[in-house]
Amino acid sequence: MDGYYKRVVPIEFKIDGWYYGNIAFGNLIGILIVDPVTGAMWKPDTELINETLSQMTSSTNQPSLKILSYNDIPQSWKDKLIKVK
């Protein structure tokens, strides 16, 4: 978006539940050909997509890095964390 810093947000995909519906309804063509070719078997996992764009100002030429402590992040993010040893 013009006037805002560029952000890259990774989006993960998971198999759509309706893809398994093809098995229940006996739609072999949908399982083997149509859904894999069209990408209809995949559903974006949008649970954690919530990005705020930072507006560019004339005094700031570089984007800033904001580091949050564990206590500053939402509980829904804490449930997704993986402990690194």
N, C-alpha and C. Protein backbone atom coordinates (compact mmCIF):
# COMPACT_ATOMS: atom_id res chain seq x y z
N MET A 1 0.85 -1.16 0.00
CA MET A 1 0.00 0.00 0.00
C MET A 1 0.91 1.23 0.00
N ASP A 2 0.61 2.19 -0.85
CA ASP A 2 1.41 3.40 -0.95
C ASP A 2 1.42 4.16 0.37
N GLY A 3 2.60 4.63 0.78
CA GLY A 3 2.73 5.39 2.01
C GLY A 3 2.95 4.54 3.25
N TYR A 4 3.04 3.22 3.07
CA TYR A 4 3.26 2.31 4.20
C TYR A 4 4.46 1.43 3.91
N TYR A 5 5.12 0.98 4.97
CA TYR A 5 6.24 0.07 4.81
C TYR A 5 5.75 -1.28 4.30
N LYS A 6 6.59 -1.89 3.48
CA LYS A 6 6.27 -3.21 2.92
C LYS A 6 6.36 -4.27 4.02
N ARG A 7 5.39 -5.18 4.06
CA ARG A 7 5.37 -6.28 5.03
C ARG A 7 5.19 -7.59 4.27
N VAL A 8 5.91 -8.60 4.67
CA VAL A 8 5.74 -9.94 4.12
C VAL A 8 5.22 -10.81 5.25
N VAL A 9 4.05 -11.39 5.05
CA VAL A 9 3.42 -12.21 6.07
C VAL A 9 3.25 -13.63 5.52
N PRO A 10 3.93 -14.62 6.12
CA PRO A 10 3.76 -15.99 5.63
C PRO A 10 2.37 -16.52 5.97
N ILE A 11 1.79 -17.21 5.02
CA ILE A 11 0.47 -17.81 5.21
C ILE A 11 0.62 -19.31 5.07
N GLU A 12 0.15 -20.03 6.06
CA GLU A 12 0.21 -21.49 6.01
C GLU A 12 -1.12 -22.03 5.49
N PHE A 13 -1.05 -23.17 4.85
CA PHE A 13 -2.25 -23.81 4.30
C PHE A 13 -2.43 -25.18 4.93
N LYS A 14 -3.68 -25.60 5.02
CA LYS A 14 -3.99 -26.94 5.50
C LYS A 14 -5.02 -27.55 4.54
N ILE A 15 -5.16 -28.86 4.61
CA ILE A 15 -6.10 -29.53 3.71
C ILE A 15 -7.53 -29.17 4.10
N ASP A 16 -8.31 -28.78 3.12
CA ASP A 16 -9.71 -28.42 3.33
C ASP A 16 -10.53 -29.67 3.65
N GLY A 17 -11.42 -29.56 4.60
CA GLY A 17 -12.26 -30.68 5.01
C GLY A 17 -13.12 -31.24 3.90
N TRP A 18 -13.51 -30.38 2.96
CA TRP A 18 -14.34 -30.84 1.84
C TRP A 18 -13.57 -31.76 0.89
N TYR A 19 -12.24 -31.69 0.94
CA TYR A 19 -11.44 -32.61 0.12
C TYR A 19 -11.73 -34.05 0.55
N TYR A 20 -11.87 -34.25 1.86
CA TYR A 20 -12.21 -35.58 2.36
C TYR A 20 -13.66 -35.92 2.05
N GLY A 21 -14.47 -34.91 1.80
CA GLY A 21 -15.86 -35.16 1.39
C GLY A 21 -15.93 -35.90 0.07
N ASN A 22 -14.89 -35.71 -0.78
CA ASN A 22 -14.84 -36.47 -2.03
C ASN A 22 -14.80 -37.97 -1.76
N ILE A 23 -14.09 -38.36 -0.72
CA ILE A 23 -14.01 -39.77 -0.37
C ILE A 23 -15.37 -40.28 0.08
N ALA A 24 -16.05 -39.49 0.92
CA ALA A 24 -17.36 -39.89 1.44
C ALA A 24 -18.40 -40.03 0.34
N PHE A 25 -18.31 -39.14 -0.66
CA PHE A 25 -19.30 -39.16 -1.74
C PHE A 25 -18.84 -39.93 -2.97
N GLY A 26 -17.66 -40.54 -2.88
CA GLY A 26 -17.18 -41.39 -3.98
C GLY A 26 -16.75 -40.62 -5.21
N ASN A 27 -16.28 -39.40 -5.06
CA ASN A 27 -15.87 -38.59 -6.20
C ASN A 27 -14.38 -38.79 -6.45
N LEU A 28 -14.03 -39.86 -7.14
CA LEU A 28 -12.64 -40.22 -7.40
C LEU A 28 -11.95 -39.18 -8.28
N ILE A 29 -12.66 -38.61 -9.25
CA ILE A 29 -12.09 -37.58 -10.14
C ILE A 29 -11.71 -36.34 -9.32
N GLY A 30 -12.55 -35.97 -8.36
CA GLY A 30 -12.26 -34.82 -7.50
C GLY A 30 -11.04 -35.04 -6.64
N ILE A 31 -10.89 -36.26 -6.12
CA ILE A 31 -9.76 -36.59 -5.24
C ILE A 31 -8.44 -36.59 -6.01
N LEU A 32 -8.43 -37.23 -7.17
CA LEU A 32 -7.18 -37.45 -7.89
C LEU A 32 -6.82 -36.36 -8.88
N ILE A 33 -7.82 -35.65 -9.44
CA ILE A 33 -7.51 -34.72 -10.52
C ILE A 33 -7.93 -33.28 -10.20
N VAL A 34 -9.22 -33.05 -10.03
CA VAL A 34 -9.75 -31.69 -9.98
C VAL A 34 -9.20 -30.90 -8.79
N ASP A 35 -9.35 -31.40 -7.58
CA ASP A 35 -8.91 -30.64 -6.40
C ASP A 35 -7.39 -30.43 -6.36
N PRO A 36 -6.56 -31.44 -6.63
CA PRO A 36 -5.12 -31.19 -6.63
C PRO A 36 -4.67 -30.20 -7.72
N VAL A 37 -5.25 -30.29 -8.90
CA VAL A 37 -4.84 -29.41 -10.00
C VAL A 37 -5.29 -27.97 -9.77
N THR A 38 -6.49 -27.77 -9.27
CA THR A 38 -7.01 -26.42 -9.07
C THR A 38 -6.58 -25.80 -7.74
N GLY A 39 -6.04 -26.61 -6.84
CA GLY A 39 -5.66 -26.11 -5.53
C GLY A 39 -6.81 -26.06 -4.56
N ALA A 40 -7.97 -26.60 -4.93
CA ALA A 40 -9.15 -26.55 -4.08
C ALA A 40 -9.02 -27.43 -2.85
N MET A 41 -8.00 -28.29 -2.82
CA MET A 41 -7.83 -29.15 -1.65
C MET A 41 -7.16 -28.41 -0.49
N TRP A 42 -6.66 -27.19 -0.75
CA TRP A 42 -5.96 -26.42 0.28
C TRP A 42 -6.81 -25.26 0.77
N LYS A 43 -6.70 -24.98 2.06
CA LYS A 43 -7.44 -23.89 2.70
C LYS A 43 -6.43 -23.06 3.49
N PRO A 44 -6.41 -21.73 3.33
CA PRO A 44 -5.46 -20.93 4.10
C PRO A 44 -5.80 -20.95 5.58
N ASP A 45 -4.77 -21.09 6.40
CA ASP A 45 -4.94 -21.07 7.86
C ASP A 45 -4.81 -19.62 8.30
N THR A 46 -5.93 -18.92 8.41
CA THR A 46 -5.93 -17.48 8.66
C THR A 46 -6.15 -17.12 10.12
N GLU A 47 -5.97 -18.08 11.01
CA GLU A 47 -6.23 -17.84 12.43
C GLU A 47 -5.35 -16.74 13.02
N LEU A 48 -4.06 -16.70 12.63
CA LEU A 48 -3.14 -15.74 13.24
C LEU A 48 -2.74 -14.60 12.31
N ILE A 49 -3.43 -14.41 11.20
CA ILE A 49 -3.08 -13.31 10.30
C ILE A 49 -3.75 -12.04 10.81
N ASN A 50 -2.94 -11.19 11.39
CA ASN A 50 -3.44 -9.92 11.89
C ASN A 50 -2.26 -8.96 11.91
N GLU A 51 -1.97 -8.32 10.79
CA GLU A 51 -0.83 -7.44 10.67
C GLU A 51 -1.27 -5.99 10.62
N THR A 52 -0.51 -5.14 11.25
CA THR A 52 -0.76 -3.71 11.21
C THR A 52 0.36 -3.07 10.41
N LEU A 53 0.00 -2.32 9.38
CA LEU A 53 1.01 -1.65 8.56
C LEU A 53 1.47 -0.38 9.24
N SER A 54 2.77 -0.08 9.10
CA SER A 54 3.33 1.14 9.66
C SER A 54 3.41 2.19 8.56
N GLN A 55 2.88 3.35 8.85
CA GLN A 55 2.87 4.42 7.86
C GLN A 55 4.25 5.07 7.79
N MET A 56 4.69 5.36 6.57
CA MET A 56 5.97 6.03 6.38
C MET A 56 5.83 7.50 6.73
N THR A 57 6.88 8.04 7.32
CA THR A 57 6.93 9.47 7.60
C THR A 57 8.18 10.03 6.96
N SER A 58 8.22 11.30 6.74
CA SER A 58 9.38 11.91 6.09
C SER A 58 10.62 11.87 6.98
N SER A 59 10.45 11.83 8.30
CA SER A 59 11.60 11.81 9.21
C SER A 59 12.16 10.40 9.40
N THR A 60 11.40 9.40 9.05
CA THR A 60 11.85 8.02 9.22
C THR A 60 12.03 7.38 7.85
N ASN A 61 13.27 6.96 7.55
CA ASN A 61 13.55 6.33 6.27
C ASN A 61 13.64 4.82 6.37
N GLN A 62 13.82 4.30 7.57
CA GLN A 62 13.98 2.87 7.75
C GLN A 62 12.88 2.33 8.66
N PRO A 63 12.39 1.12 8.36
CA PRO A 63 11.43 0.52 9.28
C PRO A 63 12.12 0.16 10.60
N SER A 64 11.38 0.12 11.66
CA SER A 64 11.96 -0.21 12.95
C SER A 64 11.61 -1.64 13.33
N LEU A 65 12.42 -2.18 14.21
CA LEU A 65 12.20 -3.53 14.72
C LEU A 65 11.67 -3.40 16.13
N LYS A 66 10.54 -4.02 16.39
CA LYS A 66 9.96 -3.98 17.72
C LYS A 66 10.08 -5.36 18.34
N ILE A 67 10.73 -5.43 19.47
CA ILE A 67 10.92 -6.69 20.17
C ILE A 67 9.98 -6.71 21.37
N LEU A 68 9.18 -7.75 21.45
CA LEU A 68 8.21 -7.88 22.54
C LEU A 68 8.67 -8.95 23.52
N SER A 69 8.39 -8.72 24.78
CA SER A 69 8.68 -9.75 25.77
C SER A 69 7.53 -10.76 25.77
N TYR A 70 7.76 -11.88 26.38
CA TYR A 70 6.76 -12.93 26.45
C TYR A 70 5.46 -12.41 27.07
N ASN A 71 5.57 -11.53 28.05
CA ASN A 71 4.39 -11.00 28.74
C ASN A 71 3.60 -10.00 27.91
N ASP A 72 4.19 -9.49 26.82
CA ASP A 72 3.53 -8.48 26.00
C ASP A 72 2.75 -9.05 24.82
N ILE A 73 2.89 -10.35 24.55
CA ILE A 73 2.19 -10.92 23.40
C ILE A 73 0.84 -11.49 23.84
N PRO A 74 -0.12 -11.54 22.92
CA PRO A 74 -1.45 -12.06 23.27
C PRO A 74 -1.41 -13.55 23.65
N GLN A 75 -2.34 -13.96 24.45
CA GLN A 75 -2.42 -15.35 24.90
C GLN A 75 -2.58 -16.31 23.73
N SER A 76 -3.30 -15.89 22.69
CA SER A 76 -3.50 -16.78 21.53
C SER A 76 -2.18 -17.08 20.83
N TRP A 77 -1.21 -16.16 20.89
CA TRP A 77 0.11 -16.42 20.32
C TRP A 77 0.90 -17.35 21.22
N LYS A 78 0.75 -17.20 22.53
CA LYS A 78 1.52 -18.02 23.47
C LYS A 78 1.18 -19.49 23.31
N ASP A 79 -0.07 -19.79 22.96
CA ASP A 79 -0.49 -21.18 22.76
C ASP A 79 0.20 -21.81 21.56
N LYS A 80 0.68 -21.00 20.62
CA LYS A 80 1.31 -21.49 19.40
C LYS A 80 2.83 -21.59 19.51
N LEU A 81 3.42 -21.10 20.58
CA LEU A 81 4.88 -21.08 20.73
C LEU A 81 5.43 -22.48 20.93
N ILE A 82 6.64 -22.67 20.45
CA ILE A 82 7.35 -23.94 20.60
C ILE A 82 8.63 -23.66 21.35
N LYS A 83 8.90 -24.41 22.40
CA LYS A 83 10.10 -24.21 23.21
C LYS A 83 11.33 -24.70 22.44
N VAL A 84 12.35 -23.85 22.35
CA VAL A 84 13.59 -24.19 21.67
C VAL A 84 14.63 -24.49 22.73
N LYS A 85 15.27 -25.64 22.58
CA LYS A 85 16.26 -26.05 23.58
C LYS A 85 17.63 -25.58 23.19
